[in-house]
Amino acid sequence: MRIGVDVSSLAKRERTGVARYGVALLDAMLPLAENDTFVLGCRLSRLRRARFRYVPGVPHASLRWFADVAPRLALGDLDVFHGLDARIPARAPFPCVATLH
C-alpha cells in the first residue's frame, strides 16, 4: 500500500498531545510495514516555522511538503491518507481517515 500521513502537527519545538501521539504511532508502525510505502506530508503552512525535525529512519518513508488545495501534486497517488490531527485535505482525491483527539 501507499500510505500518506499528515505529520504537520510534528513540526513543533516542544511536542505535546497530537505530536507525541504521531511520533509514537510512526515509530511503532513504520518498522513493521516494510512492504508499504509511506509519504509523510507536512503542510506548507509549517514551512515558515522551519522546525520540522521528525526523521522516519526507514527507507520506505519520505517527507514531502504539500498544499491543502492540491495534495496530489506533492503526495502522489495514495491508497489512503491519515490525518493525525482531525484534518484532511479539502479536495482529497484519495480515501481519507482522521484521528480525533
PDB file of N, CA and C in Angstrom:
ATOM      1  N   MET A   1       0.838  -1.187   0.000  1.00  0.00           N
ATOM      2  CA  MET A   1       0.000   0.000   0.000  1.00  0.00           C
ATOM      3  C   MET A   1       0.877   1.242   0.000  1.00  0.00           C
ATOM      4  N   ARG A   2       0.322   2.310  -0.494  1.00  0.00           N
ATOM      5  CA  ARG A   2       0.977   3.625  -0.459  1.00  0.00           C
ATOM      6  C   ARG A   2       0.151   4.485   0.492  1.00  0.00           C
ATOM      7  N   ILE A   3       0.728   4.768   1.646  1.00  0.00           N
ATOM      8  CA  ILE A   3       0.010   5.403   2.756  1.00  0.00           C
ATOM      9  C   ILE A   3       0.545   6.806   2.994  1.00  0.00           C
ATOM     10  N   GLY A   4      -0.350   7.778   3.021  1.00  0.00           N
ATOM     11  CA  GLY A   4       0.025   9.151   3.333  1.00  0.00           C
ATOM     12  C   GLY A   4      -0.354   9.467   4.768  1.00  0.00           C
ATOM     13  N   VAL A   5       0.499  10.207   5.447  1.00  0.00           N
ATOM     14  CA  VAL A   5       0.233  10.602   6.832  1.00  0.00           C
ATOM     15  C   VAL A   5       0.540  12.093   6.957  1.00  0.00           C
ATOM     16  N   ASP A   6      -0.403  12.851   7.476  1.00  0.00           N
ATOM     17  CA  ASP A   6      -0.181  14.281   7.696  1.00  0.00           C
ATOM     18  C   ASP A   6       0.608  14.448   8.991  1.00  0.00           C
ATOM     19  N   VAL A   7       1.867  14.799   8.859  1.00  0.00           N
ATOM     20  CA  VAL A   7       2.734  14.938  10.026  1.00  0.00           C
ATOM     21  C   VAL A   7       2.968  16.411  10.386  1.00  0.00           C
ATOM     22  N   SER A   8       2.094  17.281   9.928  1.00  0.00           N
ATOM     23  CA  SER A   8       2.236  18.716  10.203  1.00  0.00           C
ATOM     24  C   SER A   8       2.277  19.013  11.692  1.00  0.00           C
ATOM     25  N   SER A   9       1.541  18.269  12.476  1.00  0.00           N
ATOM     26  CA  SER A   9       1.492  18.516  13.918  1.00  0.00           C
ATOM     27  C   SER A   9       2.817  18.180  14.609  1.00  0.00           C
ATOM     28  N   LEU A  10       3.707  17.500  13.918  1.00  0.00           N
ATOM     29  CA  LEU A  10       5.010  17.166  14.488  1.00  0.00           C
ATOM     30  C   LEU A  10       6.008  18.303  14.311  1.00  0.00           C
ATOM     31  N   ALA A  11       5.635  19.347  13.601  1.00  0.00           N
ATOM     32  CA  ALA A  11       6.536  20.480  13.330  1.00  0.00           C
ATOM     33  C   ALA A  11       6.475  21.494  14.470  1.00  0.00           C
ATOM     34  N   LYS A  12       6.822  21.044  15.633  1.00  0.00           N
ATOM     35  CA  LYS A  12       6.812  21.901  16.815  1.00  0.00           C
ATOM     36  C   LYS A  12       8.097  21.681  17.595  1.00  0.00           C
ATOM     37  N   ARG A  13       8.549  22.724  18.244  1.00  0.00           N
ATOM     38  CA  ARG A  13       9.766  22.604  19.052  1.00  0.00           C
ATOM     39  C   ARG A  13       9.526  21.663  20.237  1.00  0.00           C
ATOM     40  N   GLU A  14       8.428  21.871  20.948  1.00  0.00           N
ATOM     41  CA  GLU A  14       8.072  21.002  22.070  1.00  0.00           C
ATOM     42  C   GLU A  14       6.820  20.235  21.694  1.00  0.00           C
ATOM     43  N   ARG A  15       6.933  18.935  21.700  1.00  0.00           N
ATOM     44  CA  ARG A  15       5.814  18.096  21.275  1.00  0.00           C
ATOM     45  C   ARG A  15       4.935  17.717  22.460  1.00  0.00           C
ATOM     46  N   THR A  16       3.662  18.000  22.305  1.00  0.00           N
ATOM     47  CA  THR A  16       2.672  17.586  23.290  1.00  0.00           C
ATOM     48  C   THR A  16       1.483  17.017  22.537  1.00  0.00           C
ATOM     49  N   GLY A  17       0.616  16.323  23.215  1.00  0.00           N
ATOM     50  CA  GLY A  17      -0.633  15.839  22.648  1.00  0.00           C
ATOM     51  C   GLY A  17      -0.517  15.126  21.321  1.00  0.00           C
ATOM     52  N   VAL A  18      -1.058  15.744  20.279  1.00  0.00           N
ATOM     53  CA  VAL A  18      -1.110  15.142  18.953  1.00  0.00           C
ATOM     54  C   VAL A  18       0.289  14.809  18.434  1.00  0.00           C
ATOM     55  N   ALA A  19       1.234  15.689  18.663  1.00  0.00           N
ATOM     56  CA  ALA A  19       2.595  15.454  18.169  1.00  0.00           C
ATOM     57  C   ALA A  19       3.231  14.232  18.830  1.00  0.00           C
ATOM     58  N   ARG A  20       3.044  14.081  20.115  1.00  0.00           N
ATOM     59  CA  ARG A  20       3.586  12.887  20.801  1.00  0.00           C
ATOM     60  C   ARG A  20       2.923  11.615  20.295  1.00  0.00           C
ATOM     61  N   TYR A  21       1.611  11.688  20.094  1.00  0.00           N
ATOM     62  CA  TYR A  21       0.879  10.545  19.543  1.00  0.00           C
ATOM     63  C   TYR A  21       1.420  10.200  18.155  1.00  0.00           C
ATOM     64  N   GLY A  22       1.609  11.210  17.315  1.00  0.00           N
ATOM     65  CA  GLY A  22       2.092  10.982  15.957  1.00  0.00           C
ATOM     66  C   GLY A  22       3.456  10.340  15.919  1.00  0.00           C
ATOM     67  N   VAL A  23       4.368  10.822  16.730  1.00  0.00           N
ATOM     68  CA  VAL A  23       5.716  10.245  16.783  1.00  0.00           C
ATOM     69  C   VAL A  23       5.657   8.797  17.272  1.00  0.00           C
ATOM     70  N   ALA A  24       4.904   8.547  18.315  1.00  0.00           N
ATOM     71  CA  ALA A  24       4.788   7.181  18.848  1.00  0.00           C
ATOM     72  C   ALA A  24       4.162   6.239  17.819  1.00  0.00           C
ATOM     73  N   LEU A  25       3.125   6.700  17.130  1.00  0.00           N
ATOM     74  CA  LEU A  25       2.457   5.874  16.114  1.00  0.00           C
ATOM     75  C   LEU A  25       3.424   5.541  14.980  1.00  0.00           C
ATOM     76  N   LEU A  26       4.087   6.551  14.437  1.00  0.00           N
ATOM     77  CA  LEU A  26       5.007   6.319  13.326  1.00  0.00           C
ATOM     78  C   LEU A  26       6.200   5.477  13.738  1.00  0.00           C
ATOM     79  N   ASP A  27       6.766   5.740  14.900  1.00  0.00           N
ATOM     80  CA  ASP A  27       7.909   4.956  15.372  1.00  0.00           C
ATOM     81  C   ASP A  27       7.553   3.485  15.549  1.00  0.00           C
ATOM     82  N   ALA A  28       6.311   3.215  15.912  1.00  0.00           N
ATOM     83  CA  ALA A  28       5.868   1.823  16.093  1.00  0.00           C
ATOM     84  C   ALA A  28       5.455   1.179  14.768  1.00  0.00           C
ATOM     85  N   MET A  29       4.813   1.955  13.897  1.00  0.00           N
ATOM     86  CA  MET A  29       4.235   1.400  12.674  1.00  0.00           C
ATOM     87  C   MET A  29       5.242   1.244  11.532  1.00  0.00           C
ATOM     88  N   LEU A  30       6.103   2.211  11.328  1.00  0.00           N
ATOM     89  CA  LEU A  30       6.998   2.180  10.168  1.00  0.00           C
ATOM     90  C   LEU A  30       7.902   0.947  10.101  1.00  0.00           C
ATOM     91  N   PRO A  31       8.534   0.537  11.192  1.00  0.00           N
ATOM     92  CA  PRO A  31       9.392  -0.652  11.097  1.00  0.00           C
ATOM     93  C   PRO A  31       8.612  -1.939  10.803  1.00  0.00           C
ATOM     94  N   LEU A  32       7.331  -1.983  11.127  1.00  0.00           N
ATOM     95  CA  LEU A  32       6.527  -3.189  10.921  1.00  0.00           C
ATOM     96  C   LEU A  32       5.947  -3.286   9.514  1.00  0.00           C
ATOM     97  N   ALA A  33       5.964  -2.188   8.770  1.00  0.00           N
ATOM     98  CA  ALA A  33       5.301  -2.141   7.461  1.00  0.00           C
ATOM     99  C   ALA A  33       6.318  -1.976   6.337  1.00  0.00           C
ATOM    100  N   GLU A  34       7.280  -2.865   6.270  1.00  0.00           N
ATOM    101  CA  GLU A  34       8.354  -2.764   5.287  1.00  0.00           C
ATOM    102  C   GLU A  34       7.867  -2.918   3.854  1.00  0.00           C
ATOM    103  N   ASN A  35       6.737  -3.568   3.641  1.00  0.00           N
ATOM    104  CA  ASN A  35       6.208  -3.777   2.295  1.00  0.00           C
ATOM    105  C   ASN A  35       5.331  -2.629   1.819  1.00  0.00           C
ATOM    106  N   ASP A  36       5.119  -1.644   2.672  1.00  0.00           N
ATOM    107  CA  ASP A  36       4.307  -0.483   2.318  1.00  0.00           C
ATOM    108  C   ASP A  36       5.206   0.727   2.111  1.00  0.00           C
ATOM    109  N   THR A  37       4.699   1.702   1.386  1.00  0.00           N
ATOM    110  CA  THR A  37       5.411   2.954   1.171  1.00  0.00           C
ATOM    111  C   THR A  37       4.658   4.048   1.919  1.00  0.00           C
ATOM    112  N   PHE A  38       5.378   4.840   2.698  1.00  0.00           N
ATOM    113  CA  PHE A  38       4.772   5.925   3.471  1.00  0.00           C
ATOM    114  C   PHE A  38       5.218   7.270   2.917  1.00  0.00           C
ATOM    115  N   VAL A  39       4.247   8.132   2.695  1.00  0.00           N
ATOM    116  CA  VAL A  39       4.521   9.503   2.287  1.00  0.00           C
ATOM    117  C   VAL A  39       4.090  10.377   3.452  1.00  0.00           C
ATOM    118  N   LEU A  40       5.071  10.953   4.138  1.00  0.00           N
ATOM    119  CA  LEU A  40       4.797  11.795   5.291  1.00  0.00           C
ATOM    120  C   LEU A  40       4.667  13.225   4.790  1.00  0.00           C
ATOM    121  N   GLY A  41       3.447  13.739   4.826  1.00  0.00           N
ATOM    122  CA  GLY A  41       3.182  15.057   4.281  1.00  0.00           C
ATOM    123  C   GLY A  41       3.104  16.120   5.362  1.00  0.00           C
ATOM    124  N   CYS A  42       3.829  17.202   5.144  1.00  0.00           N
ATOM    125  CA  CYS A  42       3.778  18.335   6.059  1.00  0.00           C
ATOM    126  C   CYS A  42       3.216  19.525   5.289  1.00  0.00           C
ATOM    127  N   ARG A  43       2.224  20.173   5.864  1.00  0.00           N
ATOM    128  CA  ARG A  43       1.586  21.308   5.189  1.00  0.00           C
ATOM    129  C   ARG A  43       2.559  22.464   4.993  1.00  0.00           C
ATOM    130  N   LEU A  44       2.448  23.124   3.858  1.00  0.00           N
ATOM    131  CA  LEU A  44       3.320  24.253   3.544  1.00  0.00           C
ATOM    132  C   LEU A  44       3.219  25.363   4.583  1.00  0.00           C
ATOM    133  N   SER A  45       2.095  25.456   5.263  1.00  0.00           N
ATOM    134  CA  SER A  45       1.936  26.490   6.288  1.00  0.00           C
ATOM    135  C   SER A  45       2.946  26.317   7.425  1.00  0.00           C
ATOM    136  N   ARG A  46       3.497  25.126   7.594  1.00  0.00           N
ATOM    137  CA  ARG A  46       4.500  24.868   8.629  1.00  0.00           C
ATOM    138  C   ARG A  46       5.917  25.201   8.166  1.00  0.00           C
ATOM    139  N   LEU A  47       6.089  25.413   6.875  1.00  0.00           N
ATOM    140  CA  LEU A  47       7.409  25.677   6.322  1.00  0.00           C
ATOM    141  C   LEU A  47       8.034  26.933   6.912  1.00  0.00           C
ATOM    142  N   ARG A  48       7.228  27.958   7.128  1.00  0.00           N
ATOM    143  CA  ARG A  48       7.778  29.210   7.651  1.00  0.00           C
ATOM    144  C   ARG A  48       8.342  29.053   9.062  1.00  0.00           C
ATOM    145  N   ARG A  49       7.885  28.049   9.770  1.00  0.00           N
ATOM    146  CA  ARG A  49       8.406  27.805  11.118  1.00  0.00           C
ATOM    147  C   ARG A  49       9.779  27.138  11.083  1.00  0.00           C
ATOM    148  N   ALA A  50      10.037  26.431   9.990  1.00  0.00           N
ATOM    149  CA  ALA A  50      11.321  25.738   9.803  1.00  0.00           C
ATOM    150  C   ALA A  50      11.729  24.923  11.024  1.00  0.00           C
ATOM    151  N   ARG A  51      10.770  24.256  11.616  1.00  0.00           N
ATOM    152  CA  ARG A  51      11.047  23.458  12.823  1.00  0.00           C
ATOM    153  C   ARG A  51      10.843  21.969  12.610  1.00  0.00           C
ATOM    154  N   PHE A  52      10.526  21.561  11.406  1.00  0.00           N
ATOM    155  CA  PHE A  52      10.201  20.159  11.226  1.00  0.00           C
ATOM    156  C   PHE A  52      11.446  19.307  11.399  1.00  0.00           C
ATOM    157  N   ARG A  53      11.436  18.426  12.366  1.00  0.00           N
ATOM    158  CA  ARG A  53      12.622  17.640  12.661  1.00  0.00           C
ATOM    159  C   ARG A  53      12.366  16.132  12.768  1.00  0.00           C
ATOM    160  N   TYR A  54      11.158  15.666  12.441  1.00  0.00           N
ATOM    161  CA  TYR A  54      10.918  14.225  12.522  1.00  0.00           C
ATOM    162  C   TYR A  54      11.585  13.535  11.339  1.00  0.00           C
ATOM    163  N   VAL A  55      12.440  12.590  11.610  1.00  0.00           N
ATOM    164  CA  VAL A  55      13.120  11.821  10.574  1.00  0.00           C
ATOM    165  C   VAL A  55      12.658  10.376  10.726  1.00  0.00           C
ATOM    166  N   PRO A  56      12.024   9.812   9.695  1.00  0.00           N
ATOM    167  CA  PRO A  56      11.448   8.471   9.830  1.00  0.00           C
ATOM    168  C   PRO A  56      12.459   7.363  10.082  1.00  0.00           C
ATOM    169  N   GLY A  57      13.659   7.427   9.528  1.00  0.00           N
ATOM    170  CA  GLY A  57      14.668   6.411   9.790  1.00  0.00           C
ATOM    171  C   GLY A  57      14.453   5.079   9.103  1.00  0.00           C
ATOM    172  N   VAL A  58      13.564   5.031   8.123  1.00  0.00           N
ATOM    173  CA  VAL A  58      13.358   3.816   7.338  1.00  0.00           C
ATOM    174  C   VAL A  58      13.353   4.203   5.857  1.00  0.00           C
ATOM    175  N   PRO A  59      13.826   3.325   4.988  1.00  0.00           N
ATOM    176  CA  PRO A  59      13.918   3.681   3.571  1.00  0.00           C
ATOM    177  C   PRO A  59      12.572   3.764   2.843  1.00  0.00           C
ATOM    178  N   HIS A  60      11.528   3.191   3.399  1.00  0.00           N
ATOM    179  CA  HIS A  60      10.243   3.189   2.707  1.00  0.00           C
ATOM    180  C   HIS A  60       9.328   4.337   3.153  1.00  0.00           C
ATOM    181  N   ALA A  61       9.908   5.398   3.713  1.00  0.00           N
ATOM    182  CA  ALA A  61       9.142   6.584   4.109  1.00  0.00           C
ATOM    183  C   ALA A  61       9.875   7.824   3.643  1.00  0.00           C
ATOM    184  N   SER A  62       9.115   8.761   3.099  1.00  0.00           N
ATOM    185  CA  SER A  62       9.723  10.007   2.640  1.00  0.00           C
ATOM    186  C   SER A  62       8.879  11.185   3.124  1.00  0.00           C
ATOM    187  N   LEU A  63       9.521  12.327   3.277  1.00  0.00           N
ATOM    188  CA  LEU A  63       8.830  13.539   3.710  1.00  0.00           C
ATOM    189  C   LEU A  63       8.595  14.439   2.507  1.00  0.00           C
ATOM    190  N   ARG A  64       7.357  14.946   2.390  1.00  0.00           N
ATOM    191  CA  ARG A  64       7.018  15.865   1.309  1.00  0.00           C
ATOM    192  C   ARG A  64       6.194  17.009   1.871  1.00  0.00           C
ATOM    193  N   TRP A  65       6.400  18.204   1.324  1.00  0.00           N
ATOM    194  CA  TRP A  65       5.598  19.367   1.690  1.00  0.00           C
ATOM    195  C   TRP A  65       4.400  19.411   0.757  1.00  0.00           C
ATOM    196  N   PHE A  66       3.200  19.732   1.283  1.00  0.00           N
ATOM    197  CA  PHE A  66       2.019  19.771   0.414  1.00  0.00           C
ATOM    198  C   PHE A  66       1.113  20.940   0.766  1.00  0.00           C
ATOM    199  N   ALA A  67       0.321  21.322  -0.227  1.00  0.00           N
ATOM    200  CA  ALA A  67      -0.689  22.365  -0.047  1.00  0.00           C
ATOM    201  C   ALA A  67      -2.047  21.697   0.061  1.00  0.00           C
ATOM    202  N   ASP A  68      -2.888  22.202   0.927  1.00  0.00           N
ATOM    203  CA  ASP A  68      -4.199  21.612   1.166  1.00  0.00           C
ATOM    204  C   ASP A  68      -5.067  21.597  -0.096  1.00  0.00           C
ATOM    205  N   VAL A  69      -4.889  22.569  -0.964  1.00  0.00           N
ATOM    206  CA  VAL A  69      -5.758  22.667  -2.140  1.00  0.00           C
ATOM    207  C   VAL A  69      -5.363  21.708  -3.259  1.00  0.00           C
ATOM    208  N   ALA A  70      -4.150  21.215  -3.283  1.00  0.00           N
ATOM    209  CA  ALA A  70      -3.711  20.307  -4.347  1.00  0.00           C
ATOM    210  C   ALA A  70      -2.783  19.238  -3.780  1.00  0.00           C
ATOM    211  N   PRO A  71      -3.291  18.368  -2.915  1.00  0.00           N
ATOM    212  CA  PRO A  71      -2.410  17.391  -2.269  1.00  0.00           C
ATOM    213  C   PRO A  71      -1.789  16.371  -3.208  1.00  0.00           C
ATOM    214  N   ARG A  72      -2.472  16.033  -4.292  1.00  0.00           N
ATOM    215  CA  ARG A  72      -1.938  15.008  -5.194  1.00  0.00           C
ATOM    216  C   ARG A  72      -0.642  15.459  -5.873  1.00  0.00           C
ATOM    217  N   LEU A  73      -0.498  16.764  -6.096  1.00  0.00           N
ATOM    218  CA  LEU A  73       0.720  17.259  -6.736  1.00  0.00           C
ATOM    219  C   LEU A  73       1.971  16.879  -5.950  1.00  0.00           C
ATOM    220  N   ALA A  74       1.918  16.960  -4.650  1.00  0.00           N
ATOM    221  CA  ALA A  74       3.086  16.667  -3.824  1.00  0.00           C
ATOM    222  C   ALA A  74       3.097  15.235  -3.293  1.00  0.00           C
ATOM    223  N   LEU A  75       1.928  14.709  -2.963  1.00  0.00           N
ATOM    224  CA  LEU A  75       1.864  13.405  -2.312  1.00  0.00           C
ATOM    225  C   LEU A  75       1.727  12.249  -3.293  1.00  0.00           C
ATOM    226  N   GLY A  76       1.263  12.543  -4.501  1.00  0.00           N
ATOM    227  CA  GLY A  76       1.070  11.499  -5.493  1.00  0.00           C
ATOM    228  C   GLY A  76      -0.209  10.723  -5.247  1.00  0.00           C
ATOM    229  N   ASP A  77      -0.319   9.582  -5.896  1.00  0.00           N
ATOM    230  CA  ASP A  77      -1.480   8.717  -5.713  1.00  0.00           C
ATOM    231  C   ASP A  77      -1.290   7.889  -4.446  1.00  0.00           C
ATOM    232  N   LEU A  78      -2.270   7.961  -3.572  1.00  0.00           N
ATOM    233  CA  LEU A  78      -2.218   7.227  -2.311  1.00  0.00           C
ATOM    234  C   LEU A  78      -3.370   6.242  -2.229  1.00  0.00           C
ATOM    235  N   ASP A  79      -3.164   5.156  -1.507  1.00  0.00           N
ATOM    236  CA  ASP A  79      -4.258   4.220  -1.233  1.00  0.00           C
ATOM    237  C   ASP A  79      -5.114   4.727  -0.086  1.00  0.00           C
ATOM    238  N   VAL A  80      -4.480   5.448   0.857  1.00  0.00           N
ATOM    239  CA  VAL A  80      -5.201   6.028   1.995  1.00  0.00           C
ATOM    240  C   VAL A  80      -4.355   7.162   2.578  1.00  0.00           C
ATOM    241  N   PHE A  81      -5.036   8.142   3.160  1.00  0.00           N
ATOM    242  CA  PHE A  81      -4.373   9.275   3.794  1.00  0.00           C
ATOM    243  C   PHE A  81      -4.880   9.372   5.224  1.00  0.00           C
ATOM    244  N   HIS A  82      -3.958   9.509   6.186  1.00  0.00           N
ATOM    245  CA  HIS A  82      -4.335   9.588   7.602  1.00  0.00           C
ATOM    246  C   HIS A  82      -4.017  10.984   8.128  1.00  0.00           C
ATOM    247  N   GLY A  83      -5.043  11.695   8.550  1.00  0.00           N
ATOM    248  CA  GLY A  83      -4.868  12.994   9.187  1.00  0.00           C
ATOM    249  C   GLY A  83      -4.746  12.790  10.683  1.00  0.00           C
ATOM    250  N   LEU A  84      -3.571  13.047  11.236  1.00  0.00           N
ATOM    251  CA  LEU A  84      -3.334  12.792  12.661  1.00  0.00           C
ATOM    252  C   LEU A  84      -4.062  13.770  13.577  1.00  0.00           C
ATOM    253  N   ASP A  85      -4.364  14.947  13.084  1.00  0.00           N
ATOM    254  CA  ASP A  85      -4.986  15.958  13.947  1.00  0.00           C
ATOM    255  C   ASP A  85      -6.365  16.377  13.442  1.00  0.00           C
ATOM    256  N   ALA A  86      -7.124  15.427  12.965  1.00  0.00           N
ATOM    257  CA  ALA A  86      -8.507  15.625  12.519  1.00  0.00           C
ATOM    258  C   ALA A  86      -8.621  16.469  11.265  1.00  0.00           C
ATOM    259  N   ARG A  87      -7.520  16.730  10.571  1.00  0.00           N
ATOM    260  CA  ARG A  87      -7.562  17.499   9.329  1.00  0.00           C
ATOM    261  C   ARG A  87      -7.220  16.605   8.153  1.00  0.00           C
ATOM    262  N   ILE A  88      -8.016  16.732   7.118  1.00  0.00           N
ATOM    263  CA  ILE A  88      -7.723  16.059   5.860  1.00  0.00           C
ATOM    264  C   ILE A  88      -7.816  17.108   4.756  1.00  0.00           C
ATOM    265  N   PRO A  89      -7.121  16.905   3.644  1.00  0.00           N
ATOM    266  CA  PRO A  89      -7.201  17.876   2.554  1.00  0.00           C
ATOM    267  C   PRO A  89      -8.640  18.051   2.072  1.00  0.00           C
ATOM    268  N   ALA A  90      -9.009  19.290   1.801  1.00  0.00           N
ATOM    269  CA  ALA A  90     -10.389  19.617   1.430  1.00  0.00           C
ATOM    270  C   ALA A  90     -10.861  18.872   0.187  1.00  0.00           C
ATOM    271  N   ARG A  91     -10.022  18.751  -0.791  1.00  0.00           N
ATOM    272  CA  ARG A  91     -10.401  18.084  -2.040  1.00  0.00           C
ATOM    273  C   ARG A  91      -9.514  16.866  -2.279  1.00  0.00           C
ATOM    274  N   ALA A  92      -9.430  16.028  -1.303  1.00  0.00           N
ATOM    275  CA  ALA A  92      -8.557  14.860  -1.396  1.00  0.00           C
ATOM    276  C   ALA A  92      -9.044  13.904  -2.479  1.00  0.00           C
ATOM    277  N   PRO A  93      -8.167  13.544  -3.418  1.00  0.00           N
ATOM    278  CA  PRO A  93      -8.533  12.607  -4.473  1.00  0.00           C
ATOM    279  C   PRO A  93      -8.290  11.153  -4.077  1.00  0.00           C
ATOM    280  N   PHE A  94      -8.148  10.903  -2.773  1.00  0.00           N
ATOM    281  CA  PHE A  94      -7.894   9.549  -2.287  1.00  0.00           C
ATOM    282  C   PHE A  94      -8.684   9.350  -0.994  1.00  0.00           C
ATOM    283  N   PRO A  95      -8.911   8.106  -0.599  1.00  0.00           N
ATOM    284  CA  PRO A  95      -9.645   7.855   0.659  1.00  0.00           C
ATOM    285  C   PRO A  95      -8.886   8.426   1.846  1.00  0.00           C
ATOM    286  N   CYS A  96      -9.622   8.957   2.810  1.00  0.00           N
ATOM    287  CA  CYS A  96      -9.002   9.588   3.977  1.00  0.00           C
ATOM    288  C   CYS A  96      -9.607   9.069   5.278  1.00  0.00           C
ATOM    289  N   VAL A  97      -8.784   9.084   6.300  1.00  0.00           N
ATOM    290  CA  VAL A  97      -9.215   8.773   7.653  1.00  0.00           C
ATOM    291  C   VAL A  97      -8.555   9.796   8.561  1.00  0.00           C
ATOM    292  N   ALA A  98      -9.263  10.188   9.618  1.00  0.00           N
ATOM    293  CA  ALA A  98      -8.719  11.173  10.531  1.00  0.00           C
ATOM    294  C   ALA A  98      -8.821  10.667  11.969  1.00  0.00           C
ATOM    295  N   THR A  99      -7.837  11.025  12.772  1.00  0.00           N
ATOM    296  CA  THR A  99      -7.865  10.709  14.195  1.00  0.00           C
ATOM    297  C   THR A  99      -8.366  11.925  14.937  1.00  0.00           C
ATOM    298  N   LEU A 100      -9.346  11.736  15.799  1.00  0.00           N
ATOM    299  CA  LEU A 100      -9.883  12.812  16.635  1.00  0.00           C
ATOM    300  C   LEU A 100      -9.400  12.611  18.051  1.00  0.00           C
ATOM    301  N   HIS A 101      -8.883  13.665  18.641  1.00  0.00           N
ATOM    302  CA  HIS A 101      -8.355  13.584  20.000  1.00  0.00           C
ATOM    303  C   HIS A 101      -9.271  14.344  20.939  1.00  0.00           C
TER     304      HIS A 101
END
